[in-house]
């Protein structure tokens, strides 16, 4: 089972939409996910090491370089509401989702 964090600038709008899209992807693909959470980039940067995967808009991935060094998979999304893009990137990130 994996845990997934969705982050955006303020932690309310974009990350909430990302989280809702993530819930749809998890249900559609049957991924084994223990927990999901959405938050601001500042909270995410401080807590990202507690998660297996971090989702964020593409232009913020560099903020999670320390988490990546600890083995966290950081996924940047062009369209945070695209189930197709999210599924493709989750499938290729190397995490055991099934």
N, C-alpha and C. Protein backbone atom coordinates (compact mmCIF):
# COMPACT_ATOMS: atom_id res chain seq x y z
N UNK A 1 0.84 -1.18 0.00
CA UNK A 1 0.00 0.00 0.00
C UNK A 1 0.88 1.25 0.00
N UNK A 2 0.45 2.24 -0.74
CA UNK A 2 1.20 3.49 -0.82
C UNK A 2 0.38 4.64 -0.24
N UNK A 3 1.06 5.70 0.11
CA UNK A 3 0.41 6.93 0.55
C UNK A 3 0.76 8.03 -0.44
N UNK A 4 -0.23 8.89 -0.73
CA UNK A 4 -0.05 9.90 -1.77
C UNK A 4 -0.44 11.27 -1.23
N UNK A 5 0.42 12.25 -1.49
CA UNK A 5 0.19 13.63 -1.08
C UNK A 5 0.00 14.50 -2.32
N UNK A 6 -1.03 15.33 -2.33
CA UNK A 6 -1.28 16.27 -3.42
C UNK A 6 -1.05 17.69 -2.89
N UNK A 7 -0.18 18.44 -3.55
CA UNK A 7 0.19 19.79 -3.08
C UNK A 7 -0.04 20.85 -4.15
N UNK A 8 -0.43 22.03 -3.69
CA UNK A 8 -0.50 23.19 -4.57
C UNK A 8 -0.07 24.41 -3.76
N UNK A 9 -0.06 25.55 -4.38
CA UNK A 9 0.47 26.76 -3.74
C UNK A 9 -0.18 27.05 -2.38
N UNK A 10 -1.51 27.11 -2.34
CA UNK A 10 -2.20 27.47 -1.10
C UNK A 10 -2.83 26.30 -0.37
N UNK A 11 -2.97 25.17 -1.02
CA UNK A 11 -3.51 24.00 -0.35
C UNK A 11 -5.02 23.91 -0.30
N UNK A 12 -5.70 24.74 -1.08
CA UNK A 12 -7.16 24.67 -1.02
C UNK A 12 -7.80 24.37 -2.37
N UNK A 13 -7.49 25.09 -3.40
CA UNK A 13 -8.16 24.91 -4.69
C UNK A 13 -7.58 23.80 -5.55
N UNK A 14 -6.39 24.01 -6.04
CA UNK A 14 -5.78 23.07 -6.97
C UNK A 14 -5.52 21.71 -6.33
N UNK A 15 -5.02 21.72 -5.10
CA UNK A 15 -4.73 20.42 -4.46
C UNK A 15 -6.02 19.66 -4.17
N UNK A 16 -7.10 20.36 -3.87
CA UNK A 16 -8.39 19.70 -3.66
C UNK A 16 -8.87 19.06 -4.96
N UNK A 17 -8.76 19.78 -6.07
CA UNK A 17 -9.14 19.21 -7.37
C UNK A 17 -8.25 18.02 -7.73
N UNK A 18 -6.96 18.14 -7.43
CA UNK A 18 -6.03 17.05 -7.67
C UNK A 18 -6.42 15.82 -6.84
N UNK A 19 -6.79 16.06 -5.60
CA UNK A 19 -7.18 14.99 -4.70
C UNK A 19 -8.46 14.30 -5.18
N UNK A 20 -9.40 15.08 -5.69
CA UNK A 20 -10.64 14.50 -6.21
C UNK A 20 -10.37 13.68 -7.46
N UNK A 21 -9.48 14.17 -8.32
CA UNK A 21 -9.09 13.40 -9.51
C UNK A 21 -8.36 12.13 -9.09
N UNK A 22 -7.49 12.24 -8.10
CA UNK A 22 -6.77 11.08 -7.58
C UNK A 22 -7.73 10.03 -7.06
N UNK A 23 -8.76 10.43 -6.33
CA UNK A 23 -9.75 9.47 -5.82
C UNK A 23 -10.41 8.70 -6.96
N UNK A 24 -10.72 9.40 -8.06
CA UNK A 24 -11.33 8.75 -9.23
C UNK A 24 -10.35 7.76 -9.87
N UNK A 25 -9.08 8.15 -9.98
CA UNK A 25 -8.06 7.28 -10.56
C UNK A 25 -7.86 6.04 -9.70
N UNK A 26 -7.79 6.22 -8.40
CA UNK A 26 -7.62 5.09 -7.48
C UNK A 26 -8.77 4.10 -7.63
N UNK A 27 -9.99 4.61 -7.68
CA UNK A 27 -11.17 3.75 -7.82
C UNK A 27 -11.18 3.03 -9.17
N UNK A 28 -10.87 3.78 -10.23
CA UNK A 28 -10.91 3.20 -11.58
C UNK A 28 -9.82 2.16 -11.80
N UNK A 29 -8.64 2.38 -11.24
CA UNK A 29 -7.50 1.49 -11.48
C UNK A 29 -7.34 0.42 -10.40
N UNK A 30 -8.05 0.55 -9.30
CA UNK A 30 -7.94 -0.41 -8.22
C UNK A 30 -6.61 -0.35 -7.48
N UNK A 31 -6.02 0.84 -7.41
CA UNK A 31 -4.75 1.00 -6.72
C UNK A 31 -4.93 0.74 -5.22
N UNK A 32 -3.90 0.21 -4.60
CA UNK A 32 -3.88 -0.03 -3.17
C UNK A 32 -3.22 1.17 -2.50
N UNK A 33 -4.05 2.06 -1.96
CA UNK A 33 -3.57 3.30 -1.36
C UNK A 33 -4.04 3.34 0.10
N UNK A 34 -3.09 3.51 1.01
CA UNK A 34 -3.43 3.54 2.43
C UNK A 34 -3.99 4.89 2.87
N UNK A 35 -3.45 5.97 2.30
CA UNK A 35 -3.98 7.30 2.64
C UNK A 35 -3.63 8.30 1.55
N UNK A 36 -4.47 9.32 1.45
CA UNK A 36 -4.20 10.47 0.59
C UNK A 36 -4.42 11.73 1.43
N UNK A 37 -3.76 12.79 1.03
CA UNK A 37 -3.91 14.07 1.73
C UNK A 37 -3.61 15.18 0.73
N UNK A 38 -4.28 16.31 0.88
CA UNK A 38 -3.95 17.47 0.05
C UNK A 38 -3.62 18.63 0.96
N UNK A 39 -2.66 19.46 0.51
CA UNK A 39 -2.19 20.56 1.35
C UNK A 39 -1.44 21.60 0.52
N UNK A 40 -0.96 22.62 1.21
CA UNK A 40 -0.17 23.66 0.56
C UNK A 40 1.25 23.16 0.32
N UNK A 41 1.97 23.86 -0.53
CA UNK A 41 3.36 23.49 -0.82
C UNK A 41 4.23 23.56 0.43
N UNK A 42 4.01 24.56 1.27
CA UNK A 42 4.85 24.69 2.47
C UNK A 42 4.62 23.51 3.42
N UNK A 43 3.37 23.12 3.63
CA UNK A 43 3.10 21.94 4.47
C UNK A 43 3.63 20.69 3.79
N UNK A 44 3.43 20.59 2.49
CA UNK A 44 3.87 19.42 1.74
C UNK A 44 5.38 19.25 1.77
N UNK A 45 6.09 20.34 1.66
CA UNK A 45 7.55 20.28 1.69
C UNK A 45 8.03 19.73 3.04
N UNK A 46 7.34 20.09 4.11
CA UNK A 46 7.72 19.64 5.45
C UNK A 46 7.30 18.21 5.76
N UNK A 47 6.25 17.72 5.10
CA UNK A 47 5.72 16.39 5.43
C UNK A 47 5.89 15.37 4.31
N UNK A 48 6.44 15.76 3.18
CA UNK A 48 6.50 14.88 2.01
C UNK A 48 7.27 13.59 2.26
N UNK A 49 8.24 13.60 3.16
CA UNK A 49 9.02 12.39 3.44
C UNK A 49 8.17 11.31 4.10
N UNK A 50 6.98 11.67 4.58
CA UNK A 50 6.07 10.71 5.21
C UNK A 50 5.17 10.01 4.18
N UNK A 51 5.35 10.33 2.91
CA UNK A 51 4.51 9.78 1.84
C UNK A 51 5.38 9.04 0.83
N UNK A 52 4.75 8.16 0.08
CA UNK A 52 5.45 7.43 -0.97
C UNK A 52 5.48 8.22 -2.28
N UNK A 53 4.41 8.98 -2.53
CA UNK A 53 4.26 9.72 -3.79
C UNK A 53 3.76 11.13 -3.47
N UNK A 54 4.33 12.11 -4.17
CA UNK A 54 3.85 13.50 -4.09
C UNK A 54 3.40 13.91 -5.48
N UNK A 55 2.19 14.45 -5.57
CA UNK A 55 1.66 15.02 -6.81
C UNK A 55 1.63 16.53 -6.65
N UNK A 56 2.06 17.23 -7.69
CA UNK A 56 2.01 18.69 -7.66
C UNK A 56 2.01 19.21 -9.09
N UNK A 57 1.65 20.49 -9.28
CA UNK A 57 1.79 21.07 -10.62
C UNK A 57 3.26 20.99 -11.05
N UNK A 58 3.49 20.81 -12.33
CA UNK A 58 4.82 20.58 -12.88
C UNK A 58 5.87 21.61 -12.44
N UNK A 59 5.48 22.85 -12.35
CA UNK A 59 6.46 23.90 -12.05
C UNK A 59 6.91 23.91 -10.58
N UNK A 60 6.36 23.03 -9.74
CA UNK A 60 6.75 22.99 -8.32
C UNK A 60 7.55 21.75 -7.94
N UNK A 61 7.87 20.88 -8.88
CA UNK A 61 8.54 19.62 -8.52
C UNK A 61 9.89 19.83 -7.87
N UNK A 62 10.60 20.88 -8.25
CA UNK A 62 11.94 21.11 -7.69
C UNK A 62 11.90 21.37 -6.19
N UNK A 63 10.77 21.78 -5.67
CA UNK A 63 10.64 22.04 -4.24
C UNK A 63 10.74 20.76 -3.40
N UNK A 64 10.61 19.61 -4.06
CA UNK A 64 10.60 18.34 -3.34
C UNK A 64 11.87 17.52 -3.59
N UNK A 65 12.95 18.20 -3.93
CA UNK A 65 14.22 17.51 -4.20
C UNK A 65 14.71 16.72 -2.99
N UNK A 66 14.56 17.27 -1.78
CA UNK A 66 14.98 16.56 -0.57
C UNK A 66 14.18 15.28 -0.37
N UNK A 67 12.88 15.35 -0.63
CA UNK A 67 12.02 14.17 -0.50
C UNK A 67 12.42 13.10 -1.52
N UNK A 68 12.74 13.54 -2.74
CA UNK A 68 13.18 12.60 -3.77
C UNK A 68 14.44 11.87 -3.35
N UNK A 69 15.35 12.57 -2.70
CA UNK A 69 16.59 11.95 -2.22
C UNK A 69 16.30 10.87 -1.19
N UNK A 70 15.16 10.98 -0.51
CA UNK A 70 14.76 9.99 0.50
C UNK A 70 13.90 8.89 -0.09
N UNK A 71 13.71 8.90 -1.42
CA UNK A 71 12.97 7.83 -2.08
C UNK A 71 11.52 8.13 -2.42
N UNK A 72 11.07 9.33 -2.14
CA UNK A 72 9.70 9.72 -2.47
C UNK A 72 9.61 9.95 -3.98
N UNK A 73 8.57 9.43 -4.60
CA UNK A 73 8.33 9.65 -6.03
C UNK A 73 7.59 10.98 -6.17
N UNK A 74 8.17 11.93 -6.88
CA UNK A 74 7.56 13.24 -7.09
C UNK A 74 7.07 13.32 -8.52
N UNK A 75 5.78 13.57 -8.67
CA UNK A 75 5.15 13.60 -9.99
C UNK A 75 4.60 14.99 -10.26
N UNK A 76 5.10 15.61 -11.32
CA UNK A 76 4.60 16.91 -11.76
C UNK A 76 3.53 16.71 -12.82
N UNK A 77 2.43 17.42 -12.67
CA UNK A 77 1.31 17.30 -13.60
C UNK A 77 1.11 18.59 -14.39
N UNK A 78 0.87 18.46 -15.69
CA UNK A 78 0.53 19.62 -16.52
C UNK A 78 -0.92 20.01 -16.26
N UNK A 79 -1.80 19.01 -16.25
CA UNK A 79 -3.23 19.22 -16.03
C UNK A 79 -3.65 18.43 -14.81
N UNK A 80 -3.82 19.09 -13.69
CA UNK A 80 -4.09 18.42 -12.42
C UNK A 80 -5.46 17.72 -12.39
N UNK A 81 -6.31 18.03 -13.35
CA UNK A 81 -7.63 17.40 -13.40
C UNK A 81 -7.71 16.28 -14.43
N UNK A 82 -6.61 15.98 -15.09
CA UNK A 82 -6.61 14.94 -16.12
C UNK A 82 -6.40 13.56 -15.51
N UNK A 83 -7.44 12.75 -15.52
CA UNK A 83 -7.32 11.38 -15.02
C UNK A 83 -6.34 10.58 -15.88
N UNK A 84 -6.34 10.85 -17.18
CA UNK A 84 -5.46 10.13 -18.09
C UNK A 84 -3.99 10.42 -17.75
N UNK A 85 -3.63 11.70 -17.63
CA UNK A 85 -2.26 12.06 -17.32
C UNK A 85 -1.84 11.51 -15.96
N UNK A 86 -2.71 11.65 -14.97
CA UNK A 86 -2.37 11.18 -13.63
C UNK A 86 -2.16 9.66 -13.63
N UNK A 87 -3.04 8.93 -14.31
CA UNK A 87 -2.90 7.48 -14.38
C UNK A 87 -1.59 7.09 -15.05
N UNK A 88 -1.29 7.71 -16.19
CA UNK A 88 -0.06 7.40 -16.91
C UNK A 88 1.18 7.66 -16.05
N UNK A 89 1.20 8.79 -15.38
CA UNK A 89 2.38 9.13 -14.57
C UNK A 89 2.49 8.26 -13.32
N UNK A 90 1.37 7.90 -12.73
CA UNK A 90 1.41 7.00 -11.58
C UNK A 90 1.90 5.61 -12.00
N UNK A 91 1.42 5.16 -13.17
CA UNK A 91 1.81 3.83 -13.67
C UNK A 91 3.31 3.74 -13.95
N UNK A 92 3.92 4.84 -14.35
CA UNK A 92 5.33 4.82 -14.74
C UNK A 92 6.28 5.35 -13.67
N UNK A 93 5.76 5.67 -12.48
CA UNK A 93 6.63 6.27 -11.45
C UNK A 93 7.47 5.25 -10.70
N UNK A 94 7.12 3.98 -10.83
CA UNK A 94 7.92 2.96 -10.17
C UNK A 94 7.39 2.51 -8.83
N UNK A 95 6.29 3.07 -8.36
CA UNK A 95 5.70 2.65 -7.08
C UNK A 95 4.81 1.42 -7.30
N UNK A 96 4.70 0.59 -6.30
CA UNK A 96 3.85 -0.60 -6.37
C UNK A 96 2.43 -0.21 -5.97
N UNK A 97 1.60 0.06 -6.97
CA UNK A 97 0.25 0.53 -6.75
C UNK A 97 -0.79 -0.58 -6.71
N UNK A 98 -0.44 -1.75 -7.17
CA UNK A 98 -1.41 -2.86 -7.22
C UNK A 98 -1.18 -3.76 -6.07
